[in-house]
Amino acid sequence: MSKMKTVLLAMSFAILHAGYALAEEVAAHSEAGVHEGGGMPQFNFESWAGQIFWMVVFFIILYTIFSKAVLPAISDTLETRKSHIEDHVKAAEILSAEAEQIEAALKEALRNAGHKASEEIQFVENEAKARNHDALSSFRARFESDISSAEGRIAKACQNAMSDMDSIAADIATKMAEKIAGIKADPSQAETVVRSLSDKGRKAA
């Protein structure tokens, strides 16, 4: 506002100076015409003092109006505009800072999510491997147990079958000895003999 007042004062003094210069020039060129034929009143040198007075009064009034009404309004408008611009700049800076913070937080969240996903994938892989290993070990143990049990059942079945065969062979031998030679043999003794021969044969094999 002070700058505008200075400009207004400079303009007022310039206009006054121009008025004085114009008055002197007009007075010099129209002095003879004023005394001879009258001429226009505004070019009458004798009335120049009053004209200059009223010109000064006019400029004082004009300066007062500008300094009290026009200049404050213009200054307020400029200050308001400056304040709005500063507010917008501050708001833009705040938004920019918030955007940078959000971007940094998003990058950090994505990085953490990537690490967490990798850890979860590794955990799932390890857990799957452990489950597969446990399942394979359990299956192998059950398979070996089943094989051992089957072998035991087969061995027992073979033993029972051989025992039955020895009993059948002893019974047949007893009946044949009785029919052919008329010798009545003891079935238990015959079975013992047949089982002894069978054991020797299996050992020899």
C-alpha atoms as a PDB file:
ATOM      1  CA  MET A   1       0.000   0.000   0.000  1.00  0.00           C
ATOM      2  CA  SER A   2       2.880   2.387   0.758  1.00  0.00           C
ATOM      3  CA  LYS A   3       4.247   1.824  -2.741  1.00  0.00           C
ATOM      4  CA  MET A   4       0.908   2.757  -4.278  1.00  0.00           C
ATOM      5  CA  LYS A   5       0.760   5.937  -2.171  1.00  0.00           C
ATOM      6  CA  THR A   6       4.244   6.855  -3.340  1.00  0.00           C
ATOM      7  CA  VAL A   7       3.239   6.318  -6.966  1.00  0.00           C
ATOM      8  CA  LEU A   8       0.095   8.397  -6.482  1.00  0.00           C
ATOM      9  CA  LEU A   9       2.088  11.240  -4.911  1.00  0.00           C
ATOM     10  CA  ALA A  10       4.608  11.113  -7.733  1.00  0.00           C
ATOM     11  CA  MET A  11       1.812  11.271 -10.305  1.00  0.00           C
ATOM     12  CA  SER A  12       0.227  14.226  -8.470  1.00  0.00           C
ATOM     13  CA  PHE A  13       3.485  16.160  -8.363  1.00  0.00           C
ATOM     14  CA  ALA A  14       4.132  15.365 -12.014  1.00  0.00           C
ATOM     15  CA  ILE A  15       0.697  16.646 -12.990  1.00  0.00           C
ATOM     16  CA  LEU A  16       1.187  19.798 -10.903  1.00  0.00           C
ATOM     17  CA  HIS A  17       4.597  20.375 -12.459  1.00  0.00           C
ATOM     18  CA  ALA A  18       3.133  19.900 -15.914  1.00  0.00           C
ATOM     19  CA  GLY A  19       0.359  22.338 -14.995  1.00  0.00           C
ATOM     20  CA  TYR A  20       2.837  25.002 -13.917  1.00  0.00           C
ATOM     21  CA  ALA A  21       4.894  24.505 -17.077  1.00  0.00           C
ATOM     22  CA  LEU A  22       1.794  24.720 -19.237  1.00  0.00           C
ATOM     23  CA  ALA A  23       0.689  27.844 -17.399  1.00  0.00           C
ATOM     24  CA  GLU A  24       4.001  29.570 -18.004  1.00  0.00           C
ATOM     25  CA  GLU A  25       4.015  28.618 -21.682  1.00  0.00           C
ATOM     26  CA  VAL A  26       0.433  29.715 -22.228  1.00  0.00           C
ATOM     27  CA  ALA A  27       1.069  32.954 -20.345  1.00  0.00           C
ATOM     28  CA  ALA A  28       4.118  33.688 -22.496  1.00  0.00           C
ATOM     29  CA  HIS A  29       2.324  33.057 -25.805  1.00  0.00           C
ATOM     30  CA  SER A  30      -1.033  34.609 -24.989  1.00  0.00           C
ATOM     31  CA  GLU A  31      -0.128  37.682 -22.926  1.00  0.00           C
ATOM     32  CA  ALA A  32      -0.690  40.047 -25.844  1.00  0.00           C
ATOM     33  CA  GLY A  33      -3.946  38.408 -26.898  1.00  0.00           C
ATOM     34  CA  VAL A  34      -5.297  38.553 -23.366  1.00  0.00           C
ATOM     35  CA  HIS A  35      -4.735  42.341 -23.073  1.00  0.00           C
ATOM     36  CA  GLU A  36      -5.997  43.151 -26.592  1.00  0.00           C
ATOM     37  CA  GLY A  37      -8.986  41.019 -27.247  1.00  0.00           C
ATOM     38  CA  GLY A  38      -9.842  39.342 -23.976  1.00  0.00           C
ATOM     39  CA  GLY A  39      -9.506  35.639 -25.069  1.00  0.00           C
ATOM     40  CA  MET A  40     -10.658  32.559 -23.183  1.00  0.00           C
ATOM     41  CA  PRO A  41     -10.795  32.868 -19.355  1.00  0.00           C
ATOM     42  CA  GLN A  42      -8.752  29.720 -18.738  1.00  0.00           C
ATOM     43  CA  PHE A  43      -5.886  31.302 -20.700  1.00  0.00           C
ATOM     44  CA  ASN A  44      -6.057  34.557 -18.745  1.00  0.00           C
ATOM     45  CA  PHE A  45      -2.869  34.761 -16.702  1.00  0.00           C
ATOM     46  CA  GLU A  46      -4.608  36.685 -13.944  1.00  0.00           C
ATOM     47  CA  SER A  47      -6.969  33.732 -13.306  1.00  0.00           C
ATOM     48  CA  TRP A  48      -4.194  31.142 -13.237  1.00  0.00           C
ATOM     49  CA  ALA A  49      -3.690  31.431  -9.479  1.00  0.00           C
ATOM     50  CA  GLY A  50      -7.292  30.456  -8.802  1.00  0.00           C
ATOM     51  CA  GLN A  51      -7.144  27.661 -11.373  1.00  0.00           C
ATOM     52  CA  ILE A  52      -3.967  26.291  -9.812  1.00  0.00           C
ATOM     53  CA  PHE A  53      -5.548  26.521  -6.365  1.00  0.00           C
ATOM     54  CA  TRP A  54      -8.588  24.576  -7.443  1.00  0.00           C
ATOM     55  CA  MET A  55      -6.339  22.111  -9.270  1.00  0.00           C
ATOM     56  CA  VAL A  56      -4.419  21.529  -6.051  1.00  0.00           C
ATOM     57  CA  VAL A  57      -7.688  21.174  -4.160  1.00  0.00           C
ATOM     58  CA  PHE A  58      -8.921  18.691  -6.763  1.00  0.00           C
ATOM     59  CA  PHE A  59      -5.769  16.607  -6.512  1.00  0.00           C
ATOM     60  CA  ILE A  60      -5.915  16.689  -2.716  1.00  0.00           C
ATOM     61  CA  ILE A  61      -9.500  15.460  -2.871  1.00  0.00           C
ATOM     62  CA  LEU A  62      -8.509  12.865  -5.459  1.00  0.00           C
ATOM     63  CA  TYR A  63      -5.568  11.741  -3.345  1.00  0.00           C
ATOM     64  CA  THR A  64      -7.781  11.545  -0.257  1.00  0.00           C
ATOM     65  CA  ILE A  65     -10.348   9.442  -2.110  1.00  0.00           C
ATOM     66  CA  PHE A  66      -7.675   7.139  -3.470  1.00  0.00           C
ATOM     67  CA  SER A  67      -5.824   6.838  -0.179  1.00  0.00           C
ATOM     68  CA  LYS A  68      -8.965   6.278   1.912  1.00  0.00           C
ATOM     69  CA  ALA A  69     -11.137   4.208  -0.400  1.00  0.00           C
ATOM     70  CA  VAL A  70      -9.556   2.995  -3.609  1.00  0.00           C
ATOM     71  CA  LEU A  71      -6.072   2.148  -2.396  1.00  0.00           C
ATOM     72  CA  PRO A  72      -7.235   0.185   0.706  1.00  0.00           C
ATOM     73  CA  ALA A  73      -9.645  -1.799  -1.453  1.00  0.00           C
ATOM     74  CA  ILE A  74      -6.918  -2.554  -3.972  1.00  0.00           C
ATOM     75  CA  SER A  75      -4.498  -3.358  -1.158  1.00  0.00           C
ATOM     76  CA  ASP A  76      -7.049  -5.634   0.527  1.00  0.00           C
ATOM     77  CA  THR A  77      -7.694  -7.376  -2.781  1.00  0.00           C
ATOM     78  CA  LEU A  78      -3.978  -7.887  -3.340  1.00  0.00           C
ATOM     79  CA  GLU A  79      -3.463  -9.087   0.238  1.00  0.00           C
ATOM     80  CA  THR A  80      -6.427 -11.451  -0.063  1.00  0.00           C
ATOM     81  CA  ARG A  81      -5.111 -12.784  -3.348  1.00  0.00           C
ATOM     82  CA  LYS A  82      -1.638 -13.156  -1.848  1.00  0.00           C
ATOM     83  CA  SER A  83      -3.117 -14.924   1.186  1.00  0.00           C
ATOM     84  CA  HIS A  84      -5.102 -17.270  -1.058  1.00  0.00           C
ATOM     85  CA  ILE A  85      -2.017 -18.028  -3.124  1.00  0.00           C
ATOM     86  CA  GLU A  86       0.030 -18.701   0.019  1.00  0.00           C
ATOM     87  CA  ASP A  87      -2.753 -20.912   1.390  1.00  0.00           C
ATOM     88  CA  HIS A  88      -2.900 -22.834  -1.882  1.00  0.00           C
ATOM     89  CA  VAL A  89       0.878 -23.217  -1.916  1.00  0.00           C
ATOM     90  CA  LYS A  90       0.848 -24.466   1.691  1.00  0.00           C
ATOM     91  CA  ALA A  91      -2.021 -26.833   0.911  1.00  0.00           C
ATOM     92  CA  ALA A  92      -0.131 -28.114  -2.134  1.00  0.00           C
ATOM     93  CA  GLU A  93       2.999 -28.632  -0.018  1.00  0.00           C
ATOM     94  CA  ILE A  94       0.969 -30.479   2.633  1.00  0.00           C
ATOM     95  CA  LEU A  95      -0.695 -32.659  -0.008  1.00  0.00           C
ATOM     96  CA  SER A  96       2.677 -33.341  -1.611  1.00  0.00           C
ATOM     97  CA  ALA A  97       4.156 -34.352   1.757  1.00  0.00           C
ATOM     98  CA  GLU A  98       1.144 -36.559   2.493  1.00  0.00           C
ATOM     99  CA  ALA A  99       1.416 -38.133  -0.967  1.00  0.00           C
ATOM    100  CA  GLU A 100       5.103 -38.870  -0.347  1.00  0.00           C
ATOM    101  CA  GLN A 101       4.263 -40.406   3.034  1.00  0.00           C
ATOM    102  CA  ILE A 102       1.492 -42.516   1.494  1.00  0.00           C
ATOM    103  CA  GLU A 103       3.824 -43.636  -1.300  1.00  0.00           C
ATOM    104  CA  ALA A 104       6.535 -44.559   1.208  1.00  0.00           C
ATOM    105  CA  ALA A 105       4.013 -46.417   3.378  1.00  0.00           C
ATOM    106  CA  LEU A 106       2.675 -48.248   0.319  1.00  0.00           C
ATOM    107  CA  LYS A 107       6.163 -49.291  -0.764  1.00  0.00           C
ATOM    108  CA  GLU A 108       6.936 -50.456   2.774  1.00  0.00           C
ATOM    109  CA  ALA A 109       3.657 -52.391   2.930  1.00  0.00           C
ATOM    110  CA  LEU A 110       4.365 -54.038  -0.439  1.00  0.00           C
ATOM    111  CA  ARG A 111       7.889 -54.909   0.670  1.00  0.00           C
ATOM    112  CA  ASN A 112       6.617 -56.385   3.942  1.00  0.00           C
ATOM    113  CA  ALA A 113       3.881 -58.260   2.086  1.00  0.00           C
ATOM    114  CA  GLY A 114       6.487 -59.710  -0.278  1.00  0.00           C
ATOM    115  CA  HIS A 115       8.680 -60.838   2.607  1.00  0.00           C
ATOM    116  CA  LYS A 116       5.697 -62.280   4.441  1.00  0.00           C
ATOM    117  CA  ALA A 117       4.481 -64.090   1.324  1.00  0.00           C
ATOM    118  CA  SER A 118       7.958 -65.563   0.776  1.00  0.00           C
ATOM    119  CA  GLU A 119       8.098 -66.699   4.394  1.00  0.00           C
ATOM    120  CA  GLU A 120       4.631 -68.243   4.171  1.00  0.00           C
ATOM    121  CA  ILE A 121       5.512 -70.028   0.918  1.00  0.00           C
ATOM    122  CA  GLN A 122       8.709 -71.364   2.477  1.00  0.00           C
ATOM    123  CA  PHE A 123       6.768 -72.438   5.562  1.00  0.00           C
ATOM    124  CA  VAL A 124       4.178 -74.244   3.421  1.00  0.00           C
ATOM    125  CA  GLU A 125       6.923 -75.959   1.416  1.00  0.00           C
ATOM    126  CA  ASN A 126       8.730 -77.071   4.558  1.00  0.00           C
ATOM    127  CA  GLU A 127       5.481 -78.243   6.122  1.00  0.00           C
ATOM    128  CA  ALA A 128       4.574 -80.161   2.959  1.00  0.00           C
ATOM    129  CA  LYS A 129       8.016 -81.763   2.880  1.00  0.00           C
ATOM    130  CA  ALA A 130       7.717 -82.684   6.551  1.00  0.00           C
ATOM    131  CA  ARG A 131       4.245 -84.158   6.017  1.00  0.00           C
ATOM    132  CA  ASN A 132       5.459 -86.098   2.982  1.00  0.00           C
ATOM    133  CA  HIS A 133       8.455 -87.360   4.914  1.00  0.00           C
ATOM    134  CA  ASP A 134       6.269 -88.356   7.859  1.00  0.00           C
ATOM    135  CA  ALA A 135       3.746 -90.004   5.551  1.00  0.00           C
ATOM    136  CA  LEU A 136       6.500 -91.864   3.699  1.00  0.00           C
ATOM    137  CA  SER A 137       8.109 -92.973   6.948  1.00  0.00           C
ATOM    138  CA  SER A 138       4.743 -94.092   8.306  1.00  0.00           C
ATOM    139  CA  PHE A 139       3.945 -95.934   5.082  1.00  0.00           C
ATOM    140  CA  ARG A 140       7.354 -97.587   5.080  1.00  0.00           C
ATOM    141  CA  ALA A 141       6.941 -98.640   8.703  1.00  0.00           C
ATOM    142  CA  ARG A 142       3.457-100.028   8.017  1.00  0.00           C
ATOM    143  CA  PHE A 143       4.713-101.751   4.862  1.00  0.00           C
ATOM    144  CA  GLU A 144       7.641-103.336   6.671  1.00  0.00           C
ATOM    145  CA  SER A 145       5.349-104.334   9.521  1.00  0.00           C
ATOM    146  CA  ASP A 146       2.864-105.835   7.074  1.00  0.00           C
ATOM    147  CA  ILE A 147       5.662-107.661   5.252  1.00  0.00           C
ATOM    148  CA  SER A 148       7.058-109.000   8.514  1.00  0.00           C
ATOM    149  CA  SER A 149       3.608-110.040   9.668  1.00  0.00           C
ATOM    150  CA  ALA A 150       2.896-111.659   6.306  1.00  0.00           C
ATOM    151  CA  GLU A 151       6.221-113.463   6.399  1.00  0.00           C
ATOM    152  CA  GLY A 152       5.415-114.662   9.905  1.00  0.00           C
ATOM    153  CA  ARG A 153       1.981-115.843   8.805  1.00  0.00           C
ATOM    154  CA  ILE A 154       3.454-117.539   5.732  1.00  0.00           C
ATOM    155  CA  ALA A 155       6.166-119.216   7.809  1.00  0.00           C
ATOM    156  CA  LYS A 156       3.575-120.347  10.314  1.00  0.00           C
ATOM    157  CA  ALA A 157       1.309-121.564   7.534  1.00  0.00           C
ATOM    158  CA  CYS A 158       4.221-123.445   5.974  1.00  0.00           C
ATOM    159  CA  GLN A 159       5.116-124.928   9.321  1.00  0.00           C
ATOM    160  CA  ASN A 160       1.529-125.966   9.896  1.00  0.00           C
ATOM    161  CA  ALA A 161       1.343-127.383   6.391  1.00  0.00           C
ATOM    162  CA  MET A 162       4.564-129.336   6.866  1.00  0.00           C
ATOM    163  CA  SER A 163       3.318-130.585  10.219  1.00  0.00           C
ATOM    164  CA  ASP A 164       0.072-131.669   8.594  1.00  0.00           C
ATOM    165  CA  MET A 165       2.020-133.333   5.805  1.00  0.00           C
ATOM    166  CA  ASP A 166       4.175-135.158   8.362  1.00  0.00           C
ATOM    167  CA  SER A 167       1.048-136.353  10.143  1.00  0.00           C
ATOM    168  CA  ILE A 168      -0.516-137.450   6.855  1.00  0.00           C
ATOM    169  CA  ALA A 169       2.709-139.177   5.784  1.00  0.00           C
ATOM    170  CA  ALA A 170       2.981-140.940   9.164  1.00  0.00           C
ATOM    171  CA  ASP A 171      -0.643-142.054   8.936  1.00  0.00           C
ATOM    172  CA  ILE A 172      -0.138-143.343   5.384  1.00  0.00           C
ATOM    173  CA  ALA A 173       3.080-145.137   6.378  1.00  0.00           C
ATOM    174  CA  THR A 174       1.340-146.743   9.372  1.00  0.00           C
ATOM    175  CA  LYS A 175      -1.547-147.988   7.267  1.00  0.00           C
ATOM    176  CA  MET A 176       0.756-149.259   4.497  1.00  0.00           C
ATOM    177  CA  ALA A 177       2.937-151.129   7.021  1.00  0.00           C
ATOM    178  CA  GLU A 178      -0.137-152.662   8.535  1.00  0.00           C
ATOM    179  CA  LYS A 179      -1.615-153.756   5.209  1.00  0.00           C
ATOM    180  CA  ILE A 180       1.591-154.840   3.485  1.00  0.00           C
ATOM    181  CA  ALA A 181       3.621-156.335   6.313  1.00  0.00           C
ATOM    182  CA  GLY A 182       0.887-156.874   8.827  1.00  0.00           C
ATOM    183  CA  ILE A 183       2.802-154.765  11.280  1.00  0.00           C
ATOM    184  CA  LYS A 184       0.747-152.503  13.439  1.00  0.00           C
ATOM    185  CA  ALA A 185       2.854-149.423  14.156  1.00  0.00           C
ATOM    186  CA  ASP A 186       2.261-146.706  16.691  1.00  0.00           C
ATOM    187  CA  PRO A 187       1.008-143.576  14.846  1.00  0.00           C
ATOM    188  CA  SER A 188       2.866-141.230  17.181  1.00  0.00           C
ATOM    189  CA  GLN A 189       6.136-143.072  16.682  1.00  0.00           C
ATOM    190  CA  ALA A 190       5.599-143.131  12.932  1.00  0.00           C
ATOM    191  CA  GLU A 191       4.908-139.383  12.947  1.00  0.00           C
ATOM    192  CA  THR A 192       8.090-138.802  14.963  1.00  0.00           C
ATOM    193  CA  VAL A 193      10.116-140.808  12.461  1.00  0.00           C
ATOM    194  CA  VAL A 194       8.564-139.014   9.475  1.00  0.00           C
ATOM    195  CA  ARG A 195       9.094-135.578  11.072  1.00  0.00           C
ATOM    196  CA  SER A 196      12.737-136.474  11.797  1.00  0.00           C
ATOM    197  CA  LEU A 197      13.270-137.492   8.189  1.00  0.00           C
ATOM    198  CA  SER A 198      11.572-134.327   6.953  1.00  0.00           C
ATOM    199  CA  ASP A 199      13.763-132.144   9.176  1.00  0.00           C
ATOM    200  CA  LYS A 200      16.874-133.838   7.852  1.00  0.00           C
ATOM    201  CA  GLY A 201      15.687-133.338   4.292  1.00  0.00           C
ATOM    202  CA  ARG A 202      14.940-129.647   4.839  1.00  0.00           C
ATOM    203  CA  LYS A 203      18.341-129.121   6.475  1.00  0.00           C
ATOM    204  CA  ALA A 204      20.085-130.874   3.624  1.00  0.00           C
ATOM    205  CA  ALA A 205      18.226-128.695   1.126  1.00  0.00           C
END
